[in-house]
């Protein structure tokens, strides 16, 4: 099997995943994924596609992730892993889609507009 390359995005985070067959080693930015994502909930998000498809120790992953915060980065990695698993085996798509892992979350921070305090908040209005 050749290396499968997929990209996942969430908010301002971009994750590039290189998946190949192996023993289950996951490196994120040249660190172990458990060192990079320190909390158990973030580690669960990373492993969620593998747990749903029963492919936990079958692939080696090399992940490059940049931008955003740790939660956005974890969800970007999760989307990229899901996309790579679907390219490896098309039958995984229905399982992952039912859990909502195949959809790109489009929510981003709204930009600040000129003449306003923030994106929606206005300056205080004085009638007189």
C-alpha atoms as a PDB file:
ATOM      1  CA  UNK A   1       0.000   0.000   0.000  1.00  0.00           C
ATOM      2  CA  UNK A   2       1.253   3.454  -0.886  1.00  0.00           C
ATOM      3  CA  UNK A   3       1.041   6.467   1.387  1.00  0.00           C
ATOM      4  CA  UNK A   4      -2.391   8.101   1.509  1.00  0.00           C
ATOM      5  CA  UNK A   5      -2.297  11.898   1.889  1.00  0.00           C
ATOM      6  CA  UNK A   6      -5.415  13.775   3.076  1.00  0.00           C
ATOM      7  CA  UNK A   7      -6.172  17.236   4.467  1.00  0.00           C
ATOM      8  CA  UNK A   8      -8.633  18.153   7.220  1.00  0.00           C
ATOM      9  CA  UNK A   9      -9.651  21.642   8.302  1.00  0.00           C
ATOM     10  CA  UNK A  10     -11.505  23.124  11.290  1.00  0.00           C
ATOM     11  CA  UNK A  11     -11.771  26.856  12.088  1.00  0.00           C
ATOM     12  CA  UNK A  12      -8.266  28.102  11.215  1.00  0.00           C
ATOM     13  CA  UNK A  13      -6.500  24.756  11.749  1.00  0.00           C
ATOM     14  CA  UNK A  14      -5.144  22.725   8.846  1.00  0.00           C
ATOM     15  CA  UNK A  15      -4.044  19.101   9.315  1.00  0.00           C
ATOM     16  CA  UNK A  16      -2.168  17.046   6.735  1.00  0.00           C
ATOM     17  CA  UNK A  17      -2.215  13.284   7.345  1.00  0.00           C
ATOM     18  CA  UNK A  18       0.102  10.765   5.685  1.00  0.00           C
ATOM     19  CA  UNK A  19      -1.262   7.253   6.340  1.00  0.00           C
ATOM     20  CA  UNK A  20       0.526   3.998   5.592  1.00  0.00           C
ATOM     21  CA  UNK A  21       0.154   0.446   6.840  1.00  0.00           C
ATOM     22  CA  UNK A  22       2.035  -0.229  10.052  1.00  0.00           C
ATOM     23  CA  UNK A  23       1.744  -0.901  13.770  1.00  0.00           C
ATOM     24  CA  UNK A  24      -0.328   2.069  14.969  1.00  0.00           C
ATOM     25  CA  UNK A  25       2.344   4.739  15.487  1.00  0.00           C
ATOM     26  CA  UNK A  26       0.865   8.250  15.366  1.00  0.00           C
ATOM     27  CA  UNK A  27       3.214  11.241  15.264  1.00  0.00           C
ATOM     28  CA  UNK A  28       1.908  14.811  15.275  1.00  0.00           C
ATOM     29  CA  UNK A  29       4.471  17.487  14.349  1.00  0.00           C
ATOM     30  CA  UNK A  30       7.287  14.983  15.086  1.00  0.00           C
ATOM     31  CA  UNK A  31       5.946  14.218  18.582  1.00  0.00           C
ATOM     32  CA  UNK A  32       3.840  11.346  19.852  1.00  0.00           C
ATOM     33  CA  UNK A  33       0.136  12.192  19.605  1.00  0.00           C
ATOM     34  CA  UNK A  34      -0.281  11.643  23.363  1.00  0.00           C
ATOM     35  CA  UNK A  35       2.434  14.255  24.031  1.00  0.00           C
ATOM     36  CA  UNK A  36       1.016  16.748  21.522  1.00  0.00           C
ATOM     37  CA  UNK A  37      -2.632  16.347  22.607  1.00  0.00           C
ATOM     38  CA  UNK A  38      -2.264  16.083  26.366  1.00  0.00           C
ATOM     39  CA  UNK A  39      -5.890  15.643  27.518  1.00  0.00           C
ATOM     40  CA  UNK A  40      -7.843  12.404  27.239  1.00  0.00           C
ATOM     41  CA  UNK A  41     -10.736  14.005  25.327  1.00  0.00           C
ATOM     42  CA  UNK A  42      -8.431  15.267  22.572  1.00  0.00           C
ATOM     43  CA  UNK A  43      -6.735  11.854  22.333  1.00  0.00           C
ATOM     44  CA  UNK A  44     -10.188  10.242  22.093  1.00  0.00           C
ATOM     45  CA  UNK A  45     -11.072  12.565  19.196  1.00  0.00           C
ATOM     46  CA  UNK A  46      -7.916  11.504  17.345  1.00  0.00           C
ATOM     47  CA  UNK A  47      -8.608   7.773  17.812  1.00  0.00           C
ATOM     48  CA  UNK A  48     -12.378   7.965  17.198  1.00  0.00           C
ATOM     49  CA  UNK A  49     -12.260   7.041  13.449  1.00  0.00           C
ATOM     50  CA  UNK A  50     -10.046   4.018  14.215  1.00  0.00           C
ATOM     51  CA  UNK A  51     -12.313   2.837  17.056  1.00  0.00           C
ATOM     52  CA  UNK A  52     -15.412   3.063  14.848  1.00  0.00           C
ATOM     53  CA  UNK A  53     -13.825   1.113  11.990  1.00  0.00           C
ATOM     54  CA  UNK A  54     -11.861  -1.404  14.159  1.00  0.00           C
ATOM     55  CA  UNK A  55      -8.525  -0.440  12.566  1.00  0.00           C
ATOM     56  CA  UNK A  56      -6.754   0.768  15.708  1.00  0.00           C
ATOM     57  CA  UNK A  57      -3.241  -0.707  15.252  1.00  0.00           C
ATOM     58  CA  UNK A  58      -3.174  -1.214  11.480  1.00  0.00           C
ATOM     59  CA  UNK A  59      -1.853   2.154  10.253  1.00  0.00           C
ATOM     60  CA  UNK A  60       1.096   4.445  10.914  1.00  0.00           C
ATOM     61  CA  UNK A  61       0.271   8.150  10.739  1.00  0.00           C
ATOM     62  CA  UNK A  62       2.479  11.159  10.226  1.00  0.00           C
ATOM     63  CA  UNK A  63       0.501  14.340  10.875  1.00  0.00           C
ATOM     64  CA  UNK A  64       1.443  17.983  10.263  1.00  0.00           C
ATOM     65  CA  UNK A  65      -0.967  20.422  11.891  1.00  0.00           C
ATOM     66  CA  UNK A  66      -0.831  24.200  12.166  1.00  0.00           C
ATOM     67  CA  UNK A  67      -3.071  27.115  13.059  1.00  0.00           C
ATOM     68  CA  UNK A  68      -5.872  27.516  15.586  1.00  0.00           C
ATOM     69  CA  UNK A  69      -6.118  26.039  19.058  1.00  0.00           C
ATOM     70  CA  UNK A  70      -5.691  22.490  20.305  1.00  0.00           C
ATOM     71  CA  UNK A  71      -9.384  21.555  20.011  1.00  0.00           C
ATOM     72  CA  UNK A  72      -9.626  22.821  16.425  1.00  0.00           C
ATOM     73  CA  UNK A  73      -6.393  21.022  15.580  1.00  0.00           C
ATOM     74  CA  UNK A  74      -7.685  17.750  17.050  1.00  0.00           C
ATOM     75  CA  UNK A  75     -10.915  17.980  15.049  1.00  0.00           C
ATOM     76  CA  UNK A  76      -8.980  18.827  11.870  1.00  0.00           C
ATOM     77  CA  UNK A  77      -6.803  15.738  12.396  1.00  0.00           C
ATOM     78  CA  UNK A  78      -9.933  13.636  13.001  1.00  0.00           C
ATOM     79  CA  UNK A  79     -11.462  14.772   9.694  1.00  0.00           C
ATOM     80  CA  UNK A  80      -8.237  14.053   7.787  1.00  0.00           C
ATOM     81  CA  UNK A  81      -7.958  10.563   9.335  1.00  0.00           C
ATOM     82  CA  UNK A  82     -11.585   9.836   8.433  1.00  0.00           C
ATOM     83  CA  UNK A  83     -10.994  10.902   4.833  1.00  0.00           C
ATOM     84  CA  UNK A  84      -7.865   8.750   4.605  1.00  0.00           C
ATOM     85  CA  UNK A  85      -9.707   5.699   5.979  1.00  0.00           C
ATOM     86  CA  UNK A  86     -12.485   6.153   3.406  1.00  0.00           C
ATOM     87  CA  UNK A  87      -9.918   6.283   0.613  1.00  0.00           C
ATOM     88  CA  UNK A  88      -8.376   3.071   1.966  1.00  0.00           C
ATOM     89  CA  UNK A  89     -11.751   1.278   2.214  1.00  0.00           C
ATOM     90  CA  UNK A  90     -14.967   2.777   0.782  1.00  0.00           C
ATOM     91  CA  UNK A  91     -17.123   0.650   3.143  1.00  0.00           C
ATOM     92  CA  UNK A  92     -16.029   2.773   6.128  1.00  0.00           C
ATOM     93  CA  UNK A  93     -17.846   5.819   4.727  1.00  0.00           C
ATOM     94  CA  UNK A  94     -21.328   4.892   5.998  1.00  0.00           C
ATOM     95  CA  UNK A  95     -20.039   4.187   9.529  1.00  0.00           C
ATOM     96  CA  UNK A  96     -18.045   7.427   9.752  1.00  0.00           C
ATOM     97  CA  UNK A  97     -20.771   9.527   8.128  1.00  0.00           C
ATOM     98  CA  UNK A  98     -23.359   8.282  10.631  1.00  0.00           C
ATOM     99  CA  UNK A  99     -21.159   9.609  13.462  1.00  0.00           C
ATOM    100  CA  UNK A 100     -20.692  12.947  11.665  1.00  0.00           C
ATOM    101  CA  UNK A 101     -16.961  12.539  11.053  1.00  0.00           C
ATOM    102  CA  UNK A 102     -17.071  13.047   7.279  1.00  0.00           C
ATOM    103  CA  UNK A 103     -18.533  16.567   7.322  1.00  0.00           C
ATOM    104  CA  UNK A 104     -16.313  19.646   7.377  1.00  0.00           C
ATOM    105  CA  UNK A 105     -17.499  21.973  10.142  1.00  0.00           C
ATOM    106  CA  UNK A 106     -17.754  25.358   8.377  1.00  0.00           C
ATOM    107  CA  UNK A 107     -18.114  27.540  11.491  1.00  0.00           C
ATOM    108  CA  UNK A 108     -15.434  30.208  11.678  1.00  0.00           C
ATOM    109  CA  UNK A 109     -14.967  33.458  13.553  1.00  0.00           C
ATOM    110  CA  UNK A 110     -16.875  36.309  11.923  1.00  0.00           C
ATOM    111  CA  UNK A 111     -14.688  39.234  10.954  1.00  0.00           C
ATOM    112  CA  UNK A 112     -14.834  42.620  12.648  1.00  0.00           C
ATOM    113  CA  UNK A 113     -16.532  45.313  10.563  1.00  0.00           C
ATOM    114  CA  UNK A 114     -15.366  48.937  10.365  1.00  0.00           C
ATOM    115  CA  UNK A 115     -17.489  51.448  12.245  1.00  0.00           C
ATOM    116  CA  UNK A 116     -18.362  48.772  14.817  1.00  0.00           C
ATOM    117  CA  UNK A 117     -16.829  47.630  18.080  1.00  0.00           C
ATOM    118  CA  UNK A 118     -16.704  43.907  17.148  1.00  0.00           C
ATOM    119  CA  UNK A 119     -18.285  41.653  14.522  1.00  0.00           C
ATOM    120  CA  UNK A 120     -21.872  42.307  15.674  1.00  0.00           C
ATOM    121  CA  UNK A 121     -21.533  44.716  18.598  1.00  0.00           C
ATOM    122  CA  UNK A 122     -21.952  48.418  17.751  1.00  0.00           C
ATOM    123  CA  UNK A 123     -20.566  51.543  19.370  1.00  0.00           C
ATOM    124  CA  UNK A 124     -22.947  53.138  21.886  1.00  0.00           C
ATOM    125  CA  UNK A 125     -25.553  55.291  20.125  1.00  0.00           C
ATOM    126  CA  UNK A 126     -26.286  58.744  21.493  1.00  0.00           C
ATOM    127  CA  UNK A 127     -29.417  60.432  20.208  1.00  0.00           C
ATOM    128  CA  UNK A 128     -28.563  63.858  21.693  1.00  0.00           C
END
